[in-house]
């Protein structure tokens, strides 16, 4: 065991529960009411729009920083 530990290898651990009742939260589920949806705040009026798709956010942030 000591040799494995020195090599950076540890005993396998179960980190993901098998019982689905242990999992709590929304996990990506969109809210039923738009007023409960995530909000994106930005000081650049040129990029303002009513709604952004989740896959557009990264591209928007990169563009605002001048990285794309």
PDB file of N, CA and C in Angstrom:
ATOM      1  N   UNK A   1       0.817  -1.190   0.000  1.00  0.00           N
ATOM      2  CA  UNK A   1       0.000   0.000   0.000  1.00  0.00           C
ATOM      3  C   UNK A   1       0.862   1.257   0.000  1.00  0.00           C
ATOM      4  N   UNK A   2       1.927   1.297   0.796  1.00  0.00           N
ATOM      5  CA  UNK A   2       2.773   2.479   0.882  1.00  0.00           C
ATOM      6  C   UNK A   2       3.410   2.797  -0.468  1.00  0.00           C
ATOM      7  N   UNK A   3       3.791   1.771  -1.225  1.00  0.00           N
ATOM      8  CA  UNK A   3       4.398   1.976  -2.529  1.00  0.00           C
ATOM      9  C   UNK A   3       3.403   2.614  -3.485  1.00  0.00           C
ATOM     10  N   UNK A   4       2.170   2.143  -3.466  1.00  0.00           N
ATOM     11  CA  UNK A   4       1.131   2.707  -4.334  1.00  0.00           C
ATOM     12  C   UNK A   4       0.862   4.171  -3.973  1.00  0.00           C
ATOM     13  N   UNK A   5       0.857   4.475  -2.672  1.00  0.00           N
ATOM     14  CA  UNK A   5       0.589   5.834  -2.233  1.00  0.00           C
ATOM     15  C   UNK A   5       1.710   6.766  -2.684  1.00  0.00           C
ATOM     16  N   UNK A   6       2.956   6.328  -2.586  1.00  0.00           N
ATOM     17  CA  UNK A   6       4.088   7.143  -3.025  1.00  0.00           C
ATOM     18  C   UNK A   6       4.041   7.386  -4.525  1.00  0.00           C
ATOM     19  N   UNK A   7       3.500   6.439  -5.264  1.00  0.00           N
ATOM     20  CA  UNK A   7       3.392   6.572  -6.720  1.00  0.00           C
ATOM     21  C   UNK A   7       2.188   7.416  -7.131  1.00  0.00           C
ATOM     22  N   UNK A   8       1.413   7.907  -6.145  1.00  0.00           N
ATOM     23  CA  UNK A   8       0.261   8.739  -6.452  1.00  0.00           C
ATOM     24  C   UNK A   8      -1.009   7.949  -6.701  1.00  0.00           C
ATOM     25  N   UNK A   9      -0.958   6.651  -6.511  1.00  0.00           N
ATOM     26  CA  UNK A   9      -2.137   5.809  -6.720  1.00  0.00           C
ATOM     27  C   UNK A   9      -2.827   5.605  -5.381  1.00  0.00           C
ATOM     28  N   UNK A  10      -4.109   5.789  -5.384  1.00  0.00           N
ATOM     29  CA  UNK A  10      -4.870   5.614  -4.150  1.00  0.00           C
ATOM     30  C   UNK A  10      -5.951   4.578  -4.359  1.00  0.00           C
ATOM     31  N   UNK A  11      -6.567   4.207  -3.274  1.00  0.00           N
ATOM     32  CA  UNK A  11      -7.652   3.237  -3.352  1.00  0.00           C
ATOM     33  C   UNK A  11      -8.815   3.847  -4.130  1.00  0.00           C
ATOM     34  N   UNK A  12      -9.479   3.065  -4.938  1.00  0.00           N
ATOM     35  CA  UNK A  12     -10.614   3.611  -5.701  1.00  0.00           C
ATOM     36  C   UNK A  12     -11.719   4.085  -4.765  1.00  0.00           C
ATOM     37  N   UNK A  13     -12.316   5.223  -5.116  1.00  0.00           N
ATOM     38  CA  UNK A  13     -13.389   5.771  -4.301  1.00  0.00           C
ATOM     39  C   UNK A  13     -14.654   5.864  -5.152  1.00  0.00           C
ATOM     40  N   UNK A  14     -15.763   5.614  -4.537  1.00  0.00           N
ATOM     41  CA  UNK A  14     -17.043   5.783  -5.206  1.00  0.00           C
ATOM     42  C   UNK A  14     -17.497   7.212  -4.948  1.00  0.00           C
ATOM     43  N   UNK A  15     -17.466   8.055  -5.977  1.00  0.00           N
ATOM     44  CA  UNK A  15     -17.830   9.453  -5.801  1.00  0.00           C
ATOM     45  C   UNK A  15     -19.194   9.791  -6.399  1.00  0.00           C
ATOM     46  N   UNK A  16     -19.696   8.960  -7.275  1.00  0.00           N
ATOM     47  CA  UNK A  16     -21.002   9.188  -7.882  1.00  0.00           C
ATOM     48  C   UNK A  16     -21.997   8.222  -7.254  1.00  0.00           C
ATOM     49  N   UNK A  17     -23.027   8.764  -6.609  1.00  0.00           N
ATOM     50  CA  UNK A  17     -23.992   7.868  -5.976  1.00  0.00           C
ATOM     51  C   UNK A  17     -24.784   7.081  -7.016  1.00  0.00           C
ATOM     52  N   UNK A  18     -25.058   5.848  -6.713  1.00  0.00           N
ATOM     53  CA  UNK A  18     -25.857   5.006  -7.604  1.00  0.00           C
ATOM     54  C   UNK A  18     -27.342   5.258  -7.374  1.00  0.00           C
ATOM     55  N   UNK A  19     -27.698   5.605  -6.138  1.00  0.00           N
ATOM     56  CA  UNK A  19     -29.089   5.861  -5.791  1.00  0.00           C
ATOM     57  C   UNK A  19     -29.489   7.252  -6.284  1.00  0.00           C
ATOM     58  N   UNK A  20     -30.435   7.373  -7.237  1.00  0.00           N
ATOM     59  CA  UNK A  20     -30.807   8.684  -7.776  1.00  0.00           C
ATOM     60  C   UNK A  20     -31.487   9.586  -6.756  1.00  0.00           C
ATOM     61  N   UNK A  21     -31.974   9.046  -5.660  1.00  0.00           N
ATOM     62  CA  UNK A  21     -32.635   9.863  -4.647  1.00  0.00           C
ATOM     63  C   UNK A  21     -31.640  10.743  -3.898  1.00  0.00           C
ATOM     64  N   UNK A  22     -30.347  10.456  -4.015  1.00  0.00           N
ATOM     65  CA  UNK A  22     -29.321  11.259  -3.349  1.00  0.00           C
ATOM     66  C   UNK A  22     -29.047  12.558  -4.108  1.00  0.00           C
ATOM     67  N   UNK A  23     -29.410  12.605  -5.381  1.00  0.00           N
ATOM     68  CA  UNK A  23     -29.126  13.762  -6.219  1.00  0.00           C
ATOM     69  C   UNK A  23     -30.226  14.799  -6.031  1.00  0.00           C
ATOM     70  N   UNK A  24     -29.810  16.022  -5.738  1.00  0.00           N
ATOM     71  CA  UNK A  24     -30.777  17.101  -5.530  1.00  0.00           C
ATOM     72  C   UNK A  24     -30.435  18.275  -6.444  1.00  0.00           C
ATOM     73  N   UNK A  25     -31.406  19.111  -6.718  1.00  0.00           N
ATOM     74  CA  UNK A  25     -31.174  20.303  -7.525  1.00  0.00           C
ATOM     75  C   UNK A  25     -31.776  20.176  -8.906  1.00  0.00           C
ATOM     76  N   UNK A  26     -31.599  21.212  -9.698  1.00  0.00           N
ATOM     77  CA  UNK A  26     -32.240  21.261 -11.011  1.00  0.00           C
ATOM     78  C   UNK A  26     -31.419  20.571 -12.093  1.00  0.00           C
ATOM     79  N   UNK A  27     -30.107  20.601 -11.982  1.00  0.00           N
ATOM     80  CA  UNK A  27     -29.204  19.937 -12.934  1.00  0.00           C
ATOM     81  C   UNK A  27     -29.529  20.285 -14.378  1.00  0.00           C
ATOM     82  N   UNK A  28     -29.618  21.590 -14.664  1.00  0.00           N
ATOM     83  CA  UNK A  28     -29.795  22.041 -16.033  1.00  0.00           C
ATOM     84  C   UNK A  28     -31.233  22.203 -16.479  1.00  0.00           C
ATOM     85  N   UNK A  29     -32.167  21.858 -15.650  1.00  0.00           N
ATOM     86  CA  UNK A  29     -33.576  21.999 -16.026  1.00  0.00           C
ATOM     87  C   UNK A  29     -33.925  23.480 -16.088  1.00  0.00           C
ATOM     88  N   UNK A  30     -34.569  23.904 -17.171  1.00  0.00           N
ATOM     89  CA  UNK A  30     -34.995  25.286 -17.288  1.00  0.00           C
ATOM     90  C   UNK A  30     -36.213  25.515 -16.407  1.00  0.00           C
ATOM     91  N   UNK A  31     -36.316  26.684 -15.801  1.00  0.00           N
ATOM     92  CA  UNK A  31     -37.457  26.955 -14.923  1.00  0.00           C
ATOM     93  C   UNK A  31     -38.756  27.074 -15.713  1.00  0.00           C
ATOM     94  N   UNK A  32     -39.851  26.836 -15.040  1.00  0.00           N
ATOM     95  CA  UNK A  32     -41.164  26.935 -15.686  1.00  0.00           C
ATOM     96  C   UNK A  32     -41.515  28.382 -16.015  1.00  0.00           C
ATOM     97  N   UNK A  33     -41.071  29.305 -15.205  1.00  0.00           N
ATOM     98  CA  UNK A  33     -41.373  30.724 -15.388  1.00  0.00           C
ATOM     99  C   UNK A  33     -40.103  31.461 -15.795  1.00  0.00           C
ATOM    100  N   UNK A  34     -40.171  32.284 -16.852  1.00  0.00           N
ATOM    101  CA  UNK A  34     -38.996  33.036 -17.322  1.00  0.00           C
ATOM    102  C   UNK A  34     -38.432  33.963 -16.258  1.00  0.00           C
ATOM    103  N   UNK A  35     -39.251  34.400 -15.307  1.00  0.00           N
ATOM    104  CA  UNK A  35     -38.763  35.279 -14.251  1.00  0.00           C
ATOM    105  C   UNK A  35     -37.789  34.567 -13.321  1.00  0.00           C
ATOM    106  N   UNK A  36     -37.766  33.239 -13.346  1.00  0.00           N
ATOM    107  CA  UNK A  36     -36.856  32.459 -12.511  1.00  0.00           C
ATOM    108  C   UNK A  36     -35.621  31.984 -13.280  1.00  0.00           C
ATOM    109  N   UNK A  37     -35.501  32.385 -14.526  1.00  0.00           N
ATOM    110  CA  UNK A  37     -34.395  31.942 -15.377  1.00  0.00           C
ATOM    111  C   UNK A  37     -33.104  32.680 -15.008  1.00  0.00           C
ATOM    112  N   UNK A  38     -31.949  32.154 -15.407  1.00  0.00           N
ATOM    113  CA  UNK A  38     -30.682  32.847 -15.166  1.00  0.00           C
ATOM    114  C   UNK A  38     -30.679  34.213 -15.856  1.00  0.00           C
ATOM    115  N   UNK A  39     -29.915  35.141 -15.287  1.00  0.00           N
ATOM    116  CA  UNK A  39     -29.849  36.493 -15.826  1.00  0.00           C
ATOM    117  C   UNK A  39     -28.405  36.814 -16.184  1.00  0.00           C
ATOM    118  N   UNK A  40     -28.232  37.449 -17.318  1.00  0.00           N
ATOM    119  CA  UNK A  40     -26.907  37.858 -17.778  1.00  0.00           C
ATOM    120  C   UNK A  40     -26.844  39.375 -17.723  1.00  0.00           C
ATOM    121  N   UNK A  41     -25.935  39.922 -16.929  1.00  0.00           N
ATOM    122  CA  UNK A  41     -25.769  41.367 -16.802  1.00  0.00           C
ATOM    123  C   UNK A  41     -24.518  41.799 -17.549  1.00  0.00           C
ATOM    124  N   UNK A  42     -24.642  42.878 -18.309  1.00  0.00           N
ATOM    125  CA  UNK A  42     -23.516  43.361 -19.093  1.00  0.00           C
ATOM    126  C   UNK A  42     -23.634  44.876 -19.225  1.00  0.00           C
ATOM    127  N   UNK A  43     -22.507  45.575 -19.194  1.00  0.00           N
ATOM    128  CA  UNK A  43     -22.510  47.030 -19.311  1.00  0.00           C
ATOM    129  C   UNK A  43     -22.386  47.499 -20.759  1.00  0.00           C
ATOM    130  N   UNK A  44     -22.351  46.591 -21.700  1.00  0.00           N
ATOM    131  CA  UNK A  44     -22.208  46.931 -23.121  1.00  0.00           C
ATOM    132  C   UNK A  44     -23.580  46.873 -23.792  1.00  0.00           C
ATOM    133  N   UNK A  45     -24.233  48.029 -24.021  1.00  0.00           N
ATOM    134  CA  UNK A  45     -25.593  48.029 -24.586  1.00  0.00           C
ATOM    135  C   UNK A  45     -25.689  47.409 -25.976  1.00  0.00           C
ATOM    136  N   UNK A  46     -24.596  47.394 -26.723  1.00  0.00           N
ATOM    137  CA  UNK A  46     -24.637  46.873 -28.090  1.00  0.00           C
ATOM    138  C   UNK A  46     -24.943  45.374 -28.141  1.00  0.00           C
ATOM    139  N   UNK A  47     -24.702  44.646 -27.066  1.00  0.00           N
ATOM    140  CA  UNK A  47     -24.940  43.202 -27.080  1.00  0.00           C
ATOM    141  C   UNK A  47     -26.247  42.820 -26.384  1.00  0.00           C
ATOM    142  N   UNK A  48     -27.009  43.825 -25.972  1.00  0.00           N
ATOM    143  CA  UNK A  48     -28.255  43.545 -25.253  1.00  0.00           C
ATOM    144  C   UNK A  48     -29.263  42.861 -26.167  1.00  0.00           C
ATOM    145  N   UNK A  49     -29.874  41.833 -25.654  1.00  0.00           N
ATOM    146  CA  UNK A  49     -30.976  41.158 -26.339  1.00  0.00           C
ATOM    147  C   UNK A  49     -31.842  40.491 -25.287  1.00  0.00           C
ATOM    148  N   UNK A  50     -33.045  40.160 -25.663  1.00  0.00           N
ATOM    149  CA  UNK A  50     -34.017  39.619 -24.719  1.00  0.00           C
ATOM    150  C   UNK A  50     -33.576  38.285 -24.127  1.00  0.00           C
ATOM    151  N   UNK A  51     -32.974  37.430 -24.961  1.00  0.00           N
ATOM    152  CA  UNK A  51     -32.640  36.088 -24.502  1.00  0.00           C
ATOM    153  C   UNK A  51     -31.382  35.585 -25.213  1.00  0.00           C
ATOM    154  N   UNK A  52     -30.543  34.900 -24.471  1.00  0.00           N
ATOM    155  CA  UNK A  52     -29.371  34.230 -25.030  1.00  0.00           C
ATOM    156  C   UNK A  52     -29.535  32.733 -24.816  1.00  0.00           C
ATOM    157  N   UNK A  53     -29.150  31.963 -25.795  1.00  0.00           N
ATOM    158  CA  UNK A  53     -29.115  30.508 -25.639  1.00  0.00           C
ATOM    159  C   UNK A  53     -27.872  30.177 -24.813  1.00  0.00           C
ATOM    160  N   UNK A  54     -27.924  29.128 -24.028  1.00  0.00           N
ATOM    161  CA  UNK A  54     -26.811  28.772 -23.141  1.00  0.00           C
ATOM    162  C   UNK A  54     -25.493  28.610 -23.902  1.00  0.00           C
ATOM    163  N   UNK A  55     -25.553  28.121 -25.130  1.00  0.00           N
ATOM    164  CA  UNK A  55     -24.326  27.908 -25.904  1.00  0.00           C
ATOM    165  C   UNK A  55     -23.761  29.208 -26.471  1.00  0.00           C
ATOM    166  N   UNK A  56     -24.488  30.308 -26.379  1.00  0.00           N
ATOM    167  CA  UNK A  56     -24.005  31.597 -26.880  1.00  0.00           C
ATOM    168  C   UNK A  56     -23.207  32.384 -25.845  1.00  0.00           C
ATOM    169  N   UNK A  57     -23.316  32.030 -24.591  1.00  0.00           N
ATOM    170  CA  UNK A  57     -22.724  32.826 -23.516  1.00  0.00           C
ATOM    171  C   UNK A  57     -21.198  32.836 -23.596  1.00  0.00           C
ATOM    172  N   UNK A  58     -20.575  31.697 -23.804  1.00  0.00           N
ATOM    173  CA  UNK A  58     -19.110  31.652 -23.885  1.00  0.00           C
ATOM    174  C   UNK A  58     -18.612  32.531 -25.022  1.00  0.00           C
ATOM    175  N   UNK A  59     -19.218  32.419 -26.184  1.00  0.00           N
ATOM    176  CA  UNK A  59     -18.806  33.207 -27.343  1.00  0.00           C
ATOM    177  C   UNK A  59     -18.969  34.706 -27.054  1.00  0.00           C
ATOM    178  N   UNK A  60     -20.051  35.073 -26.372  1.00  0.00           N
ATOM    179  CA  UNK A  60     -20.284  36.470 -26.018  1.00  0.00           C
ATOM    180  C   UNK A  60     -19.196  36.995 -25.085  1.00  0.00           C
ATOM    181  N   UNK A  61     -18.864  36.238 -24.060  1.00  0.00           N
ATOM    182  CA  UNK A  61     -17.839  36.663 -23.104  1.00  0.00           C
ATOM    183  C   UNK A  61     -16.484  36.811 -23.796  1.00  0.00           C
ATOM    184  N   UNK A  62     -16.132  35.864 -24.641  1.00  0.00           N
ATOM    185  CA  UNK A  62     -14.863  35.963 -25.371  1.00  0.00           C
ATOM    186  C   UNK A  62     -14.836  37.192 -26.262  1.00  0.00           C
ATOM    187  N   UNK A  63     -15.957  37.478 -26.942  1.00  0.00           N
ATOM    188  CA  UNK A  63     -16.029  38.629 -27.834  1.00  0.00           C
ATOM    189  C   UNK A  63     -15.911  39.933 -27.032  1.00  0.00           C
ATOM    190  N   UNK A  64     -16.546  40.011 -25.888  1.00  0.00           N
ATOM    191  CA  UNK A  64     -16.486  41.220 -25.080  1.00  0.00           C
ATOM    192  C   UNK A  64     -15.079  41.494 -24.547  1.00  0.00           C
ATOM    193  N   UNK A  65     -14.311  40.425 -24.341  1.00  0.00           N
ATOM    194  CA  UNK A  65     -12.929  40.586 -23.874  1.00  0.00           C
ATOM    195  C   UNK A  65     -11.955  40.770 -25.035  1.00  0.00           C
ATOM    196  N   UNK A  66     -12.461  40.657 -26.272  1.00  0.00           N
ATOM    197  CA  UNK A  66     -11.609  40.812 -27.446  1.00  0.00           C
ATOM    198  C   UNK A  66     -10.763  39.596 -27.735  1.00  0.00           C
ATOM    199  N   UNK A  67     -11.202  38.448 -27.271  1.00  0.00           N
ATOM    200  CA  UNK A  67     -10.439  37.204 -27.442  1.00  0.00           C
ATOM    201  C   UNK A  67     -10.964  36.337 -28.581  1.00  0.00           C
ATOM    202  N   UNK A  68     -11.920  36.827 -29.340  1.00  0.00           N
ATOM    203  CA  UNK A  68     -12.416  35.995 -30.450  1.00  0.00           C
ATOM    204  C   UNK A  68     -12.532  36.820 -31.708  1.00  0.00           C
TER     205      UNK A  68
END
